[in-house]
Amino acid sequence: FVRRNNDLHSIIRITYPQAVLGGEIEVPTVDSSVKLRIRPGTEHGRIYRLKGKGVPGLRTGIRGDQMVHIEIDIPSILTDRQKELITQLGKELGTEVEAKSQSFVGKLKSLFE
């Protein structure tokens, strides 16, 4: 947590499918964990506000909010099946997607084909 006045800020990483389709995640707060509903189409950098989940003010006792900053976890290593599915999704969305990097063995195979 990072404190700014009475508000707390936290970063939560979600998967690409969670960002696109939405879902429910557990978010730790200073008191406990709460469920947060992720809206479909959530973008990287979106901030969700958890009202009253910050810290109490010294003079007023009024609690601030917790700001949950969303980061989307993009995997850097994919299986062949995952690459195929992402490529199909790209085509469905009208974006031509091609996996450009090949492994050493893949490059060697292509030399003999």
C-alpha atoms as a PDB file:
ATOM      1  CA  PHE A   1       0.000   0.000   0.000  1.00  0.00           C
ATOM      2  CA  VAL A   2       1.015   3.559  -0.646  1.00  0.00           C
ATOM      3  CA  ARG A   3      -0.638   6.195   1.512  1.00  0.00           C
ATOM      4  CA  ARG A   4      -1.683   9.599   0.150  1.00  0.00           C
ATOM      5  CA  ASN A   5      -3.435  11.589   2.876  1.00  0.00           C
ATOM      6  CA  ASN A   6      -6.210   9.258   4.074  1.00  0.00           C
ATOM      7  CA  ASP A   7      -6.346   7.276   0.842  1.00  0.00           C
ATOM      8  CA  LEU A   8      -4.451   4.079   0.175  1.00  0.00           C
ATOM      9  CA  HIS A   9      -3.251   3.007  -3.271  1.00  0.00           C
ATOM     10  CA  SER A  10      -2.549  -0.560  -4.324  1.00  0.00           C
ATOM     11  CA  ILE A  11      -1.708  -2.317  -7.573  1.00  0.00           C
ATOM     12  CA  ILE A  12      -3.517  -5.488  -8.597  1.00  0.00           C
ATOM     13  CA  ARG A  13      -2.510  -7.567 -11.615  1.00  0.00           C
ATOM     14  CA  ILE A  14      -5.250  -9.325 -13.560  1.00  0.00           C
ATOM     15  CA  THR A  15      -5.084 -11.627 -16.571  1.00  0.00           C
ATOM     16  CA  TYR A  16      -6.000 -10.611 -20.109  1.00  0.00           C
ATOM     17  CA  PRO A  17      -9.173 -12.777 -20.068  1.00  0.00           C
ATOM     18  CA  GLN A  18     -10.265 -11.138 -16.791  1.00  0.00           C
ATOM     19  CA  ALA A  19      -9.728  -7.695 -18.321  1.00  0.00           C
ATOM     20  CA  VAL A  20     -11.701  -8.532 -21.462  1.00  0.00           C
ATOM     21  CA  LEU A  21     -14.510 -10.614 -19.972  1.00  0.00           C
ATOM     22  CA  GLY A  22     -14.708  -9.174 -16.462  1.00  0.00           C
ATOM     23  CA  GLY A  23     -14.954 -11.155 -13.273  1.00  0.00           C
ATOM     24  CA  GLU A  24     -14.486 -10.986  -9.559  1.00  0.00           C
ATOM     25  CA  ILE A  25     -11.160 -10.772  -7.731  1.00  0.00           C
ATOM     26  CA  GLU A  26     -10.027 -10.640  -4.124  1.00  0.00           C
ATOM     27  CA  VAL A  27      -8.361  -7.375  -3.115  1.00  0.00           C
ATOM     28  CA  PRO A  28      -6.428  -7.082   0.166  1.00  0.00           C
ATOM     29  CA  THR A  29      -7.283  -4.068   2.332  1.00  0.00           C
ATOM     30  CA  VAL A  30      -5.846  -2.981   5.682  1.00  0.00           C
ATOM     31  CA  ASP A  31      -8.760  -4.704   7.454  1.00  0.00           C
ATOM     32  CA  SER A  32      -9.278  -7.858   5.381  1.00  0.00           C
ATOM     33  CA  SER A  33      -9.862  -8.883   1.783  1.00  0.00           C
ATOM     34  CA  VAL A  34     -12.860  -7.740  -0.234  1.00  0.00           C
ATOM     35  CA  LYS A  35     -14.318  -8.884  -3.520  1.00  0.00           C
ATOM     36  CA  LEU A  36     -14.005  -6.427  -6.397  1.00  0.00           C
ATOM     37  CA  ARG A  37     -16.077  -6.795  -9.546  1.00  0.00           C
ATOM     38  CA  ILE A  38     -13.946  -6.191 -12.645  1.00  0.00           C
ATOM     39  CA  ARG A  39     -16.018  -4.756 -15.481  1.00  0.00           C
ATOM     40  CA  PRO A  40     -15.704  -6.308 -18.950  1.00  0.00           C
ATOM     41  CA  GLY A  41     -13.323  -4.289 -21.125  1.00  0.00           C
ATOM     42  CA  THR A  42     -11.208  -3.023 -18.221  1.00  0.00           C
ATOM     43  CA  GLU A  43      -8.069  -1.323 -19.514  1.00  0.00           C
ATOM     44  CA  HIS A  44      -4.553  -1.291 -18.091  1.00  0.00           C
ATOM     45  CA  GLY A  45      -4.261   1.644 -15.674  1.00  0.00           C
ATOM     46  CA  ARG A  46      -7.949   1.731 -14.694  1.00  0.00           C
ATOM     47  CA  ILE A  47      -8.503   2.736 -11.087  1.00  0.00           C
ATOM     48  CA  TYR A  48     -11.286   1.278  -8.962  1.00  0.00           C
ATOM     49  CA  ARG A  49     -12.286   3.069  -5.739  1.00  0.00           C
ATOM     50  CA  LEU A  50     -13.109   1.117  -2.585  1.00  0.00           C
ATOM     51  CA  LYS A  51     -15.015   3.640  -0.473  1.00  0.00           C
ATOM     52  CA  GLY A  52     -14.058   3.800   3.193  1.00  0.00           C
ATOM     53  CA  LYS A  53     -11.206   1.287   2.879  1.00  0.00           C
ATOM     54  CA  GLY A  54      -8.421   3.836   3.451  1.00  0.00           C
ATOM     55  CA  VAL A  55      -7.076   5.011   6.809  1.00  0.00           C
ATOM     56  CA  PRO A  56      -8.865   7.266   9.311  1.00  0.00           C
ATOM     57  CA  GLY A  57      -7.862  10.924   9.471  1.00  0.00           C
ATOM     58  CA  LEU A  58      -6.020  11.969  12.634  1.00  0.00           C
ATOM     59  CA  ARG A  59      -8.335  14.879  13.402  1.00  0.00           C
ATOM     60  CA  THR A  60     -11.616  13.823  11.821  1.00  0.00           C
ATOM     61  CA  GLY A  61     -11.508  10.038  12.130  1.00  0.00           C
ATOM     62  CA  ILE A  62     -13.121   9.856   8.684  1.00  0.00           C
ATOM     63  CA  ARG A  63     -11.666   7.034   6.624  1.00  0.00           C
ATOM     64  CA  GLY A  64     -10.276   7.635   3.186  1.00  0.00           C
ATOM     65  CA  ASP A  65     -10.699   5.338   0.201  1.00  0.00           C
ATOM     66  CA  GLN A  66      -8.529   2.641  -1.294  1.00  0.00           C
ATOM     67  CA  MET A  67      -7.627   3.157  -4.930  1.00  0.00           C
ATOM     68  CA  VAL A  68      -6.997  -0.100  -6.770  1.00  0.00           C
ATOM     69  CA  HIS A  69      -4.792   0.428  -9.833  1.00  0.00           C
ATOM     70  CA  ILE A  70      -5.249  -2.326 -12.424  1.00  0.00           C
ATOM     71  CA  GLU A  71      -2.333  -3.786 -14.338  1.00  0.00           C
ATOM     72  CA  ILE A  72      -2.912  -6.404 -17.011  1.00  0.00           C
ATOM     73  CA  ASP A  73      -0.516  -9.318 -16.903  1.00  0.00           C
ATOM     74  CA  ILE A  74       0.609 -10.122 -20.446  1.00  0.00           C
ATOM     75  CA  PRO A  75       2.462 -13.450 -20.545  1.00  0.00           C
ATOM     76  CA  SER A  76       5.820 -13.439 -22.300  1.00  0.00           C
ATOM     77  CA  ILE A  77       5.954 -17.212 -22.790  1.00  0.00           C
ATOM     78  CA  LEU A  78       3.086 -18.994 -24.523  1.00  0.00           C
ATOM     79  CA  THR A  79       2.471 -22.556 -25.585  1.00  0.00           C
ATOM     80  CA  ASP A  80       1.880 -23.274 -29.264  1.00  0.00           C
ATOM     81  CA  ARG A  81      -1.843 -23.723 -28.532  1.00  0.00           C
ATOM     82  CA  GLN A  82      -2.026 -20.359 -26.742  1.00  0.00           C
ATOM     83  CA  LYS A  83      -0.278 -18.666 -29.680  1.00  0.00           C
ATOM     84  CA  GLU A  84      -2.762 -20.281 -32.064  1.00  0.00           C
ATOM     85  CA  LEU A  85      -5.724 -19.056 -30.007  1.00  0.00           C
ATOM     86  CA  ILE A  86      -4.350 -15.505 -29.775  1.00  0.00           C
ATOM     87  CA  THR A  87      -3.742 -15.500 -33.535  1.00  0.00           C
ATOM     88  CA  GLN A  88      -7.334 -16.622 -34.132  1.00  0.00           C
ATOM     89  CA  LEU A  89      -8.608 -13.890 -31.817  1.00  0.00           C
ATOM     90  CA  GLY A  90      -6.564 -11.298 -33.678  1.00  0.00           C
ATOM     91  CA  LYS A  91      -8.045 -12.432 -36.989  1.00  0.00           C
ATOM     92  CA  GLU A  92     -11.589 -12.298 -35.541  1.00  0.00           C
ATOM     93  CA  LEU A  93     -10.940  -8.748 -34.375  1.00  0.00           C
ATOM     94  CA  GLY A  94      -9.592  -7.758 -37.788  1.00  0.00           C
ATOM     95  CA  THR A  95      -5.973  -7.503 -36.695  1.00  0.00           C
ATOM     96  CA  GLU A  96      -3.461  -9.629 -38.532  1.00  0.00           C
ATOM     97  CA  VAL A  97      -1.288 -11.238 -35.907  1.00  0.00           C
ATOM     98  CA  GLU A  98       1.774 -13.332 -36.597  1.00  0.00           C
ATOM     99  CA  ALA A  99       4.209 -14.822 -34.125  1.00  0.00           C
ATOM    100  CA  LYS A 100       7.520 -13.510 -35.450  1.00  0.00           C
ATOM    101  CA  SER A 101       9.965 -15.149 -33.101  1.00  0.00           C
ATOM    102  CA  GLN A 102      10.927 -18.758 -33.627  1.00  0.00           C
ATOM    103  CA  SER A 103      12.954 -20.979 -31.423  1.00  0.00           C
ATOM    104  CA  PHE A 104      16.371 -22.120 -32.585  1.00  0.00           C
ATOM    105  CA  VAL A 105      14.946 -25.549 -33.411  1.00  0.00           C
ATOM    106  CA  GLY A 106      12.085 -23.939 -35.372  1.00  0.00           C
ATOM    107  CA  LYS A 107      14.539 -21.897 -37.426  1.00  0.00           C
ATOM    108  CA  LEU A 108      16.636 -25.004 -38.085  1.00  0.00           C
ATOM    109  CA  LYS A 109      13.544 -26.957 -39.235  1.00  0.00           C
ATOM    110  CA  SER A 110      12.526 -24.190 -41.648  1.00  0.00           C
ATOM    111  CA  LEU A 111      15.924 -24.444 -43.347  1.00  0.00           C
ATOM    112  CA  PHE A 112      15.215 -28.051 -44.372  1.00  0.00           C
ATOM    113  CA  GLU A 113      11.594 -27.584 -45.482  1.00  0.00           C
END
